C-alpha atoms as a PDB file:
ATOM      1  CA  MET A   1      81.837 107.841 102.810  1.00  0.00           C
ATOM      2  CA  LYS A   2      82.884 105.289 105.399  1.00  0.00           C
ATOM      3  CA  LEU A   3      84.240 102.060 103.973  1.00  0.00           C
ATOM      4  CA  GLY A   4      85.275 100.262 107.142  1.00  0.00           C
ATOM      5  CA  THR A   5      87.996  97.648 106.898  1.00  0.00           C
ATOM      6  CA  LEU A   6      88.868  96.179 103.496  1.00  0.00           C
ATOM      7  CA  PRO A   7      89.510  92.409 103.461  1.00  0.00           C
ATOM      8  CA  GLU A   8      92.648  92.645 101.289  1.00  0.00           C
ATOM      9  CA  VAL A   9      94.593  95.267  99.371  1.00  0.00           C
ATOM     10  CA  ALA A  10      97.112  94.398  96.623  1.00  0.00           C
ATOM     11  CA  TYR A  11     100.085  96.522  95.617  1.00  0.00           C
ATOM     12  CA  HIS A  12     101.062  96.170  91.974  1.00  0.00           C
ATOM     13  CA  GLY A  13     102.251  97.735  88.776  1.00  0.00           C
ATOM     14  CA  LYS A  14     101.129  96.745  85.318  1.00  0.00           C
ATOM     15  CA  LEU A  15     102.883  96.803  81.971  1.00  0.00           C
ATOM     16  CA  ASP A  16     100.960  98.747  79.361  1.00  0.00           C
ATOM     17  CA  GLU A  17     100.547  97.800  75.690  1.00  0.00           C
ATOM     18  CA  ASN A  18     103.943  99.393  74.870  1.00  0.00           C
ATOM     19  CA  GLY A  19     105.876  97.328  77.408  1.00  0.00           C
ATOM     20  CA  MET A  20     106.178 100.306  79.756  1.00  0.00           C
ATOM     21  CA  TRP A  21     105.690  99.950  83.499  1.00  0.00           C
ATOM     22  CA  THR A  22     104.456 102.740  85.733  1.00  0.00           C
ATOM     23  CA  SER A  23     106.470 102.724  88.944  1.00  0.00           C
ATOM     24  CA  PRO A  24     104.918 103.424  92.353  1.00  0.00           C
ATOM     25  CA  SER A  25     106.381 106.943  92.116  1.00  0.00           C
ATOM     26  CA  GLY A  26     104.512 107.492  88.819  1.00  0.00           C
ATOM     27  CA  GLN A  27     107.546 107.253  86.548  1.00  0.00           C
ATOM     28  CA  LYS A  28     107.081 105.449  83.219  1.00  0.00           C
ATOM     29  CA  MET A  29     109.945 103.074  82.530  1.00  0.00           C
ATOM     30  CA  LEU A  30     110.854 100.078  80.447  1.00  0.00           C
ATOM     31  CA  LYS A  31     110.312  96.690  82.051  1.00  0.00           C
ATOM     32  CA  LYS A  32     114.061  96.173  82.455  1.00  0.00           C
ATOM     33  CA  TYR A  33     114.405  99.242  84.688  1.00  0.00           C
ATOM     34  CA  ASP A  34     113.550  99.298  88.348  1.00  0.00           C
ATOM     35  CA  ASP A  35     112.340 101.694  91.050  1.00  0.00           C
ATOM     36  CA  LYS A  36     113.386 100.175  94.368  1.00  0.00           C
ATOM     37  CA  ALA A  37     112.860 103.425  96.295  1.00  0.00           C
ATOM     38  CA  GLY A  38     109.285 103.791  95.041  1.00  0.00           C
ATOM     39  CA  ARG A  39     108.500 100.127  95.671  1.00  0.00           C
ATOM     40  CA  THR A  40     109.942 100.337  99.197  1.00  0.00           C
ATOM     41  CA  ALA A  41     107.951 103.479 100.057  1.00  0.00           C
ATOM     42  CA  GLY A  42     104.796 101.944  98.590  1.00  0.00           C
ATOM     43  CA  TRP A  43     105.153  98.748 100.607  1.00  0.00           C
ATOM     44  CA  LYS A  44     105.776 100.701 103.815  1.00  0.00           C
ATOM     45  CA  GLY A  45     102.481 102.509 103.111  1.00  0.00           C
ATOM     46  CA  MET A  46     100.723  99.172 102.693  1.00  0.00           C
ATOM     47  CA  VAL A  47     102.090  97.922 106.023  1.00  0.00           C
ATOM     48  CA  GLU A  48     100.918 101.131 107.702  1.00  0.00           C
ATOM     49  CA  ALA A  49      97.421 100.697 106.214  1.00  0.00           C
ATOM     50  CA  LYS A  50      97.274  97.192 107.702  1.00  0.00           C
ATOM     51  CA  LYS A  51      98.573  98.298 111.101  1.00  0.00           C
ATOM     52  CA  SER A  52      96.063 101.170 111.234  1.00  0.00           C
ATOM     53  CA  GLY A  53      93.190  98.748 110.588  1.00  0.00           C
ATOM     54  CA  LYS A  54      92.268 100.004 107.111  1.00  0.00           C
ATOM     55  CA  CYS A  55      92.717  96.502 105.688  1.00  0.00           C
ATOM     56  CA  LYS A  56      93.062  93.019 107.131  1.00  0.00           C
ATOM     57  CA  SER A  57      95.538  91.623 104.623  1.00  0.00           C
ATOM     58  CA  ILE A  58      98.116  93.053 102.200  1.00  0.00           C
ATOM     59  CA  GLY A  59      99.496  91.417  99.097  1.00  0.00           C
ATOM     60  CA  VAL A  60     101.443  92.157  95.944  1.00  0.00           C
ATOM     61  CA  SER A  61     101.081  91.505  92.250  1.00  0.00           C
ATOM     62  CA  ASN A  62     103.822  90.524  89.816  1.00  0.00           C
ATOM     63  CA  PHE A  63     106.635  90.857  92.372  1.00  0.00           C
ATOM     64  CA  THR A  64     109.760  88.842  91.622  1.00  0.00           C
ATOM     65  CA  ILE A  65     111.669  86.792  94.166  1.00  0.00           C
ATOM     66  CA  ARG A  66     114.157  89.671  94.417  1.00  0.00           C
ATOM     67  CA  HIS A  67     111.356  92.099  95.252  1.00  0.00           C
ATOM     68  CA  LEU A  68     110.071  89.785  97.986  1.00  0.00           C
ATOM     69  CA  LEU A  69     113.572  89.383  99.409  1.00  0.00           C
ATOM     70  CA  GLU A  70     113.875  93.197  99.564  1.00  0.00           C
ATOM     71  CA  ILE A  71     110.756  93.315 101.747  1.00  0.00           C
ATOM     72  CA  LYS A  72     112.107  90.534 103.959  1.00  0.00           C
ATOM     73  CA  ALA A  73     115.475  92.323 104.311  1.00  0.00           C
ATOM     74  CA  MET A  74     113.680  95.477 105.496  1.00  0.00           C
ATOM     75  CA  GLY A  75     112.057  93.480 108.288  1.00  0.00           C
ATOM     76  CA  LEU A  76     108.561  94.459 107.167  1.00  0.00           C
ATOM     77  CA  ASP A  77     105.411  92.314 107.138  1.00  0.00           C
ATOM     78  CA  MET A  78     105.507  89.924 104.196  1.00  0.00           C
ATOM     79  CA  PRO A  79     102.710  89.881 101.591  1.00  0.00           C
ATOM     80  CA  THR A  80     100.016  87.273 102.125  1.00  0.00           C
ATOM     81  CA  VAL A  81      99.698  86.699  98.372  1.00  0.00           C
ATOM     82  CA  ASN A  82     101.658  87.384  95.164  1.00  0.00           C
ATOM     83  CA  GLN A  83      99.255  87.484  92.237  1.00  0.00           C
ATOM     84  CA  VAL A  84     101.063  86.754  88.968  1.00  0.00           C
ATOM     85  CA  GLU A  85      99.802  87.028  85.417  1.00  0.00           C
ATOM     86  CA  MET A  86      99.930  83.892  83.330  1.00  0.00           C
ATOM     87  CA  ASN A  87      99.062  84.401  79.691  1.00  0.00           C
ATOM     88  CA  ALA A  88      99.758  82.093  76.755  1.00  0.00           C
ATOM     89  CA  PHE A  89     100.176  85.106  74.460  1.00  0.00           C
ATOM     90  CA  TYR A  90     102.461  87.165  76.723  1.00  0.00           C
END
């Protein structure tokens, strides 16, 4: 199946109902823990997908300011969007 170029791809992790977050490397962890190595490798893959023409735009979801500064410090393309969840019951 040939998909062509996707308009935008978002890179994100999601907390499950138990407050656990699945890291980009597949490790389940509590929200307070972090996986910088997995996040870095994942973002590099997103940049490569954009450069190879698989998508036109790359973004993130639920990244903190610190996460965005990590990307900037690596000298990589910055996300075009940071989708954040806003929920009155969260």
